[in-house]
N, C-alpha and C. Protein backbone atom coordinates (compact mmCIF):
# COMPACT_ATOMS: atom_id res chain seq x y z
N UNK A 1 -7.18 5.17 12.74
CA UNK A 1 -6.97 6.11 11.66
C UNK A 1 -7.11 7.61 12.35
N UNK A 2 -6.29 8.46 11.87
CA UNK A 2 -6.29 9.75 12.45
C UNK A 2 -7.38 10.57 11.87
N UNK A 3 -7.81 11.64 12.81
CA UNK A 3 -8.77 12.48 12.50
C UNK A 3 -8.40 13.41 11.47
N UNK A 4 -9.35 13.88 10.53
CA UNK A 4 -9.04 14.71 9.41
C UNK A 4 -8.76 16.35 10.01
N UNK A 5 -9.20 16.58 11.11
CA UNK A 5 -8.94 17.89 11.65
C UNK A 5 -7.72 18.26 11.93
N UNK A 6 -7.09 19.35 11.66
CA UNK A 6 -5.73 19.78 11.98
C UNK A 6 -4.91 19.59 10.91
N UNK A 7 -5.27 18.84 9.62
CA UNK A 7 -4.51 18.64 8.53
C UNK A 7 -4.42 19.99 7.71
N UNK A 8 -3.26 20.14 7.14
CA UNK A 8 -3.17 21.39 6.28
C UNK A 8 -4.11 21.33 5.05
N UNK A 9 -4.66 22.44 4.65
CA UNK A 9 -5.57 22.55 3.49
C UNK A 9 -5.01 23.44 2.37
N UNK A 10 -4.17 24.45 2.78
CA UNK A 10 -3.61 25.32 1.72
C UNK A 10 -2.10 25.17 1.74
N UNK A 11 -1.53 25.64 0.75
CA UNK A 11 0.05 25.55 0.65
C UNK A 11 0.63 26.16 1.83
N UNK A 12 0.09 27.26 2.23
CA UNK A 12 0.80 28.06 3.44
C UNK A 12 0.55 27.07 4.61
N UNK A 13 -0.62 26.50 4.97
CA UNK A 13 -0.82 25.66 6.11
C UNK A 13 -0.01 24.57 5.99
N UNK A 14 0.29 23.89 4.76
CA UNK A 14 1.00 22.76 4.57
C UNK A 14 2.49 23.17 5.04
N UNK A 15 3.19 24.21 4.54
CA UNK A 15 4.46 24.64 4.89
C UNK A 15 4.56 24.88 6.36
N UNK A 16 3.51 25.50 7.03
CA UNK A 16 3.66 25.74 8.47
C UNK A 16 3.45 24.40 9.36
N UNK A 17 2.65 23.48 8.71
CA UNK A 17 2.47 22.37 9.46
C UNK A 17 3.71 21.57 9.61
N UNK A 18 4.52 21.48 8.51
CA UNK A 18 5.76 20.71 8.49
C UNK A 18 6.91 21.38 9.14
N UNK A 19 6.65 22.60 9.64
CA UNK A 19 7.63 23.09 10.51
C UNK A 19 7.85 22.40 11.81
N UNK A 20 6.68 21.78 12.23
CA UNK A 20 6.64 21.21 13.58
C UNK A 20 6.26 19.76 13.51
N UNK A 21 5.90 19.18 12.29
CA UNK A 21 5.47 17.84 12.20
C UNK A 21 6.17 16.90 11.21
N UNK A 22 5.93 15.74 11.21
CA UNK A 22 6.60 14.83 10.31
C UNK A 22 5.58 14.27 9.33
N UNK A 23 5.90 13.98 8.14
CA UNK A 23 5.02 13.42 7.09
C UNK A 23 4.36 12.21 7.70
N UNK A 24 4.87 11.49 8.47
CA UNK A 24 4.41 10.13 9.01
C UNK A 24 3.09 10.54 9.94
N UNK A 25 2.95 11.70 10.37
CA UNK A 25 1.75 12.10 11.05
C UNK A 25 0.53 12.04 10.28
N UNK A 26 0.62 12.07 8.95
CA UNK A 26 -0.45 12.21 8.10
C UNK A 26 -0.67 10.75 7.44
N UNK A 27 0.20 9.86 7.55
CA UNK A 27 0.12 8.51 6.89
C UNK A 27 -0.27 7.40 7.88
N UNK A 28 -1.24 6.60 7.31
CA UNK A 28 -1.52 5.41 8.03
C UNK A 28 -0.48 4.30 7.64
N UNK A 29 0.47 4.00 8.58
CA UNK A 29 1.49 3.00 8.17
C UNK A 29 1.22 1.73 8.99
N UNK A 30 0.00 1.54 9.65
CA UNK A 30 -0.15 0.38 10.35
C UNK A 30 -0.22 -0.86 9.24
N UNK A 31 0.27 -2.00 9.79
CA UNK A 31 0.19 -3.18 8.81
C UNK A 31 -0.34 -4.23 9.79
N UNK A 32 -1.04 -5.20 9.08
CA UNK A 32 -1.41 -6.43 9.57
C UNK A 32 -0.87 -7.65 8.93
N UNK A 33 -0.52 -8.71 9.64
CA UNK A 33 0.06 -9.73 9.04
C UNK A 33 -1.13 -10.86 8.81
N UNK A 34 -1.06 -11.54 7.50
CA UNK A 34 -1.90 -12.47 7.06
C UNK A 34 -1.10 -13.69 6.59
N UNK A 35 -1.68 -14.80 6.64
CA UNK A 35 -1.07 -16.13 6.19
C UNK A 35 -1.94 -16.63 5.04
N UNK A 36 -1.45 -17.02 4.15
CA UNK A 36 -2.25 -17.62 3.04
C UNK A 36 -1.51 -18.88 2.56
N UNK A 37 -2.19 -19.94 2.40
CA UNK A 37 -1.61 -21.28 2.00
C UNK A 37 -1.85 -21.39 0.55
N UNK A 38 -0.66 -21.76 -0.16
CA UNK A 38 -0.87 -21.91 -1.72
C UNK A 38 -0.23 -23.29 -1.96
N UNK A 39 -0.75 -23.91 -2.97
CA UNK A 39 -0.17 -25.11 -3.53
C UNK A 39 1.13 -24.82 -3.93
N UNK A 40 2.01 -25.89 -3.90
CA UNK A 40 3.49 -25.73 -4.36
C UNK A 40 3.67 -25.20 -5.63
N UNK A 41 2.73 -25.80 -6.55
CA UNK A 41 2.84 -25.39 -8.07
C UNK A 41 2.72 -23.86 -8.30
N UNK A 42 1.58 -23.24 -7.49
CA UNK A 42 1.34 -21.83 -7.60
C UNK A 42 2.50 -21.01 -6.99
N UNK A 43 3.01 -21.42 -5.89
CA UNK A 43 4.30 -20.78 -5.38
C UNK A 43 5.55 -20.77 -6.37
N UNK A 44 5.59 -21.74 -7.09
CA UNK A 44 6.76 -21.93 -7.93
C UNK A 44 6.52 -20.93 -9.11
N UNK A 45 5.28 -20.89 -9.67
CA UNK A 45 4.92 -19.96 -10.71
C UNK A 45 5.12 -18.44 -10.23
N UNK A 46 4.52 -18.11 -9.10
CA UNK A 46 4.58 -16.93 -8.47
C UNK A 46 6.19 -16.48 -8.25
N UNK A 47 6.95 -17.33 -7.82
CA UNK A 47 8.27 -17.07 -7.66
C UNK A 47 9.15 -16.85 -8.84
N UNK A 48 8.74 -17.45 -9.84
CA UNK A 48 9.29 -17.42 -11.29
C UNK A 48 9.02 -16.02 -11.88
N UNK A 49 7.69 -15.54 -11.66
CA UNK A 49 7.25 -14.31 -12.12
C UNK A 49 7.83 -13.14 -11.29
N UNK A 50 7.88 -13.34 -10.10
CA UNK A 50 8.50 -12.38 -9.19
C UNK A 50 9.91 -12.01 -9.68
N UNK A 51 10.75 -13.23 -9.75
CA UNK A 51 12.07 -13.18 -10.15
C UNK A 51 12.25 -12.54 -11.62
N UNK A 52 11.36 -12.69 -12.45
CA UNK A 52 11.59 -12.24 -13.71
C UNK A 52 11.25 -10.65 -13.66
N UNK A 53 10.53 -10.23 -12.76
CA UNK A 53 10.26 -8.72 -12.61
C UNK A 53 11.16 -8.02 -11.66
N UNK A 54 12.04 -8.77 -10.98
CA UNK A 54 12.98 -8.35 -9.94
C UNK A 54 12.38 -7.90 -8.72
N UNK A 55 11.35 -8.60 -8.37
CA UNK A 55 10.59 -8.47 -7.13
C UNK A 55 10.61 -9.62 -6.17
N UNK A 56 10.26 -9.37 -4.98
CA UNK A 56 10.12 -10.41 -4.02
C UNK A 56 8.67 -11.00 -4.17
N UNK A 57 8.47 -12.15 -3.65
CA UNK A 57 7.27 -12.80 -3.83
C UNK A 57 6.08 -11.88 -3.03
N UNK A 58 6.52 -11.39 -1.82
CA UNK A 58 5.68 -10.62 -1.15
C UNK A 58 5.28 -9.37 -1.90
N UNK A 59 6.26 -8.86 -2.44
CA UNK A 59 5.94 -7.35 -3.14
C UNK A 59 5.06 -7.75 -4.33
N UNK A 60 5.22 -8.80 -5.15
CA UNK A 60 4.55 -9.11 -6.13
C UNK A 60 3.03 -9.41 -5.79
N UNK A 61 2.91 -10.07 -4.67
CA UNK A 61 1.48 -10.37 -4.11
C UNK A 61 0.84 -9.08 -3.77
N UNK A 62 1.43 -8.20 -2.99
CA UNK A 62 1.00 -6.95 -2.53
C UNK A 62 0.55 -6.17 -3.83
N UNK A 63 1.34 -6.08 -4.82
CA UNK A 63 1.01 -5.23 -5.93
C UNK A 63 -0.17 -5.78 -6.60
N UNK A 64 -0.16 -7.06 -6.91
CA UNK A 64 -1.26 -7.63 -7.59
C UNK A 64 -2.60 -7.58 -6.93
N UNK A 65 -2.50 -7.63 -5.54
CA UNK A 65 -3.86 -7.47 -4.86
C UNK A 65 -4.29 -5.99 -4.86
N UNK A 66 -3.36 -5.02 -4.66
CA UNK A 66 -3.72 -3.58 -4.64
C UNK A 66 -4.19 -3.12 -6.06
N UNK A 67 -3.54 -3.78 -7.19
CA UNK A 67 -4.08 -3.53 -8.52
C UNK A 67 -5.46 -4.14 -8.83
N UNK A 68 -5.79 -5.18 -8.23
CA UNK A 68 -7.09 -5.88 -8.45
C UNK A 68 -8.18 -5.06 -7.67
N UNK A 69 -7.94 -4.73 -6.43
CA UNK A 69 -8.75 -3.79 -5.72
C UNK A 69 -9.06 -2.54 -6.22
N UNK A 70 -8.05 -1.97 -6.80
CA UNK A 70 -8.37 -0.62 -7.67
C UNK A 70 -9.10 -0.95 -8.75
N UNK A 71 -9.00 -1.83 -9.45
CA UNK A 71 -9.76 -2.19 -10.64
C UNK A 71 -11.14 -2.49 -10.29
N UNK A 72 -11.46 -3.15 -9.18
CA UNK A 72 -12.78 -3.62 -8.77
C UNK A 72 -13.47 -2.35 -8.25
N UNK A 73 -12.70 -1.44 -7.49
CA UNK A 73 -13.34 -0.31 -6.99
C UNK A 73 -13.80 0.64 -8.04
N UNK A 74 -13.00 0.76 -9.14
CA UNK A 74 -13.29 1.63 -10.36
C UNK A 74 -14.68 1.08 -11.03
N UNK A 75 -14.73 -0.17 -11.07
CA UNK A 75 -15.87 -0.80 -11.86
C UNK A 75 -17.12 -0.81 -10.84
N UNK A 76 -16.94 -0.56 -9.61
CA UNK A 76 -17.98 -0.37 -8.85
C UNK A 76 -18.80 0.92 -8.81
N UNK A 77 -18.09 1.81 -9.41
CA UNK A 77 -18.71 3.29 -9.43
C UNK A 77 -19.56 3.52 -10.53
């Protein structure tokens, strides 16, 4: 993760920062691959739901996990 120092704090600093930097400099875009084994009947149901929403299986799983983690972190506060 990148250090917070050097990041723009005001609108003027923000404008000046992006004269010489890219937005990707401020984003953590690293990813890690994981493998999860599911029973076939769960994959079938997951695929049906993803298809009905117009999503890929991977996109749906990522969305649901992120949604659940947000819910859990709000309830922990």
